[in-house]
């Protein structure tokens, strides 16, 4: 689960960089391509949200596995 989370986070950063470049060029050349900006922003947010969801899921799985190991070793947990 951590590999897809890292991949989505990396893609999110890449899309954010492309979004900034697109915003710069649309302002520089005064062209109206709002659909490109909207599409890039949506792609950025979807990748970021997906990355965070996968990361939280992976953390919860790791903590559940740790809890099972501690209980199996006879260590009490609160």
C-alpha atoms as a PDB file:
ATOM      1  CA  UNK A   1       0.000   0.000   0.000  1.00  0.00           C
ATOM      2  CA  UNK A   2       2.846   2.415   0.608  1.00  0.00           C
ATOM      3  CA  UNK A   3       4.212   2.186  -2.940  1.00  0.00           C
ATOM      4  CA  UNK A   4       0.977   3.321  -4.608  1.00  0.00           C
ATOM      5  CA  UNK A   5       0.694   6.091  -2.002  1.00  0.00           C
ATOM      6  CA  UNK A   6       4.200   7.327  -2.810  1.00  0.00           C
ATOM      7  CA  UNK A   7       3.522   7.052  -6.538  1.00  0.00           C
ATOM      8  CA  UNK A   8       0.318   9.088  -6.254  1.00  0.00           C
ATOM      9  CA  UNK A   9       2.079  11.694  -4.116  1.00  0.00           C
ATOM     10  CA  UNK A  10       4.821  11.987  -6.739  1.00  0.00           C
ATOM     11  CA  UNK A  11       2.305  12.280  -9.569  1.00  0.00           C
ATOM     12  CA  UNK A  12       0.459  14.901  -7.531  1.00  0.00           C
ATOM     13  CA  UNK A  13       3.624  16.980  -7.184  1.00  0.00           C
ATOM     14  CA  UNK A  14       4.335  16.606 -10.901  1.00  0.00           C
ATOM     15  CA  UNK A  15       0.812  17.689 -11.854  1.00  0.00           C
ATOM     16  CA  UNK A  16       1.081  20.671  -9.478  1.00  0.00           C
ATOM     17  CA  UNK A  17       4.291  21.730 -11.224  1.00  0.00           C
ATOM     18  CA  UNK A  18       2.647  21.422 -14.653  1.00  0.00           C
ATOM     19  CA  UNK A  19      -0.342  23.385 -13.315  1.00  0.00           C
ATOM     20  CA  UNK A  20       1.917  26.241 -12.232  1.00  0.00           C
ATOM     21  CA  UNK A  21       3.639  26.276 -15.618  1.00  0.00           C
ATOM     22  CA  UNK A  22       0.259  26.277 -17.383  1.00  0.00           C
ATOM     23  CA  UNK A  23      -0.953  29.157 -15.213  1.00  0.00           C
ATOM     24  CA  UNK A  24       2.209  31.103 -15.991  1.00  0.00           C
ATOM     25  CA  UNK A  25       1.903  30.638 -19.745  1.00  0.00           C
ATOM     26  CA  UNK A  26      -1.806  31.437 -19.847  1.00  0.00           C
ATOM     27  CA  UNK A  27      -1.121  34.679 -17.968  1.00  0.00           C
ATOM     28  CA  UNK A  28       1.915  35.480 -20.116  1.00  0.00           C
ATOM     29  CA  UNK A  29       0.221  34.904 -23.444  1.00  0.00           C
ATOM     30  CA  UNK A  30      -3.236  35.998 -22.247  1.00  0.00           C
ATOM     31  CA  UNK A  31      -4.997  32.942 -23.575  1.00  0.00           C
ATOM     32  CA  UNK A  32      -8.188  31.519 -22.131  1.00  0.00           C
ATOM     33  CA  UNK A  33      -7.808  27.798 -21.576  1.00  0.00           C
ATOM     34  CA  UNK A  34      -9.674  27.363 -18.336  1.00  0.00           C
ATOM     35  CA  UNK A  35     -10.464  23.723 -19.106  1.00  0.00           C
ATOM     36  CA  UNK A  36      -6.740  22.857 -19.006  1.00  0.00           C
ATOM     37  CA  UNK A  37      -6.323  24.565 -15.634  1.00  0.00           C
ATOM     38  CA  UNK A  38      -9.444  22.900 -14.238  1.00  0.00           C
ATOM     39  CA  UNK A  39      -8.395  19.478 -15.530  1.00  0.00           C
ATOM     40  CA  UNK A  40      -4.906  19.784 -14.060  1.00  0.00           C
ATOM     41  CA  UNK A  41      -6.264  20.976 -10.721  1.00  0.00           C
ATOM     42  CA  UNK A  42      -8.745  18.109 -10.534  1.00  0.00           C
ATOM     43  CA  UNK A  43      -6.008  15.606 -11.428  1.00  0.00           C
ATOM     44  CA  UNK A  44      -3.777  17.118  -8.734  1.00  0.00           C
ATOM     45  CA  UNK A  45      -6.468  16.896  -6.067  1.00  0.00           C
ATOM     46  CA  UNK A  46      -7.499  13.338  -7.012  1.00  0.00           C
ATOM     47  CA  UNK A  47      -3.889  12.144  -6.829  1.00  0.00           C
ATOM     48  CA  UNK A  48      -3.308  13.920  -3.520  1.00  0.00           C
ATOM     49  CA  UNK A  49      -6.496  12.572  -1.941  1.00  0.00           C
ATOM     50  CA  UNK A  50      -5.784   9.058  -3.239  1.00  0.00           C
ATOM     51  CA  UNK A  51      -2.265   9.203  -1.860  1.00  0.00           C
ATOM     52  CA  UNK A  52      -3.461  10.315   1.569  1.00  0.00           C
ATOM     53  CA  UNK A  53      -6.184   7.660   1.694  1.00  0.00           C
ATOM     54  CA  UNK A  54      -3.721   4.900   0.798  1.00  0.00           C
ATOM     55  CA  UNK A  55      -1.180   6.235   3.306  1.00  0.00           C
ATOM     56  CA  UNK A  56      -3.722   6.329   6.147  1.00  0.00           C
ATOM     57  CA  UNK A  57      -4.896   2.823   5.239  1.00  0.00           C
ATOM     58  CA  UNK A  58      -1.318   1.535   5.282  1.00  0.00           C
ATOM     59  CA  UNK A  59      -0.632   3.149   8.667  1.00  0.00           C
ATOM     60  CA  UNK A  60      -3.781   1.576  10.130  1.00  0.00           C
ATOM     61  CA  UNK A  61      -2.792  -1.862   8.803  1.00  0.00           C
ATOM     62  CA  UNK A  62       0.698  -1.500  10.263  1.00  0.00           C
ATOM     63  CA  UNK A  63      -0.668  -0.473  13.660  1.00  0.00           C
ATOM     64  CA  UNK A  64      -3.130  -3.383  13.663  1.00  0.00           C
ATOM     65  CA  UNK A  65      -0.298  -5.808  12.862  1.00  0.00           C
ATOM     66  CA  UNK A  66       1.830  -4.295  15.638  1.00  0.00           C
ATOM     67  CA  UNK A  67      -1.049  -4.649  18.089  1.00  0.00           C
ATOM     68  CA  UNK A  68      -1.443  -8.328  17.153  1.00  0.00           C
ATOM     69  CA  UNK A  69       2.279  -8.926  17.676  1.00  0.00           C
ATOM     70  CA  UNK A  70       2.258  -7.215  21.058  1.00  0.00           C
ATOM     71  CA  UNK A  71      -0.746  -9.233  22.209  1.00  0.00           C
ATOM     72  CA  UNK A  72       0.878 -12.450  20.962  1.00  0.00           C
ATOM     73  CA  UNK A  73       4.006 -11.597  22.974  1.00  0.00           C
ATOM     74  CA  UNK A  74       1.930 -11.000  26.085  1.00  0.00           C
ATOM     75  CA  UNK A  75       2.544  -7.282  26.236  1.00  0.00           C
ATOM     76  CA  UNK A  76      -0.507  -5.378  27.425  1.00  0.00           C
ATOM     77  CA  UNK A  77      -1.627  -2.411  25.395  1.00  0.00           C
ATOM     78  CA  UNK A  78      -3.940   0.375  26.420  1.00  0.00           C
END
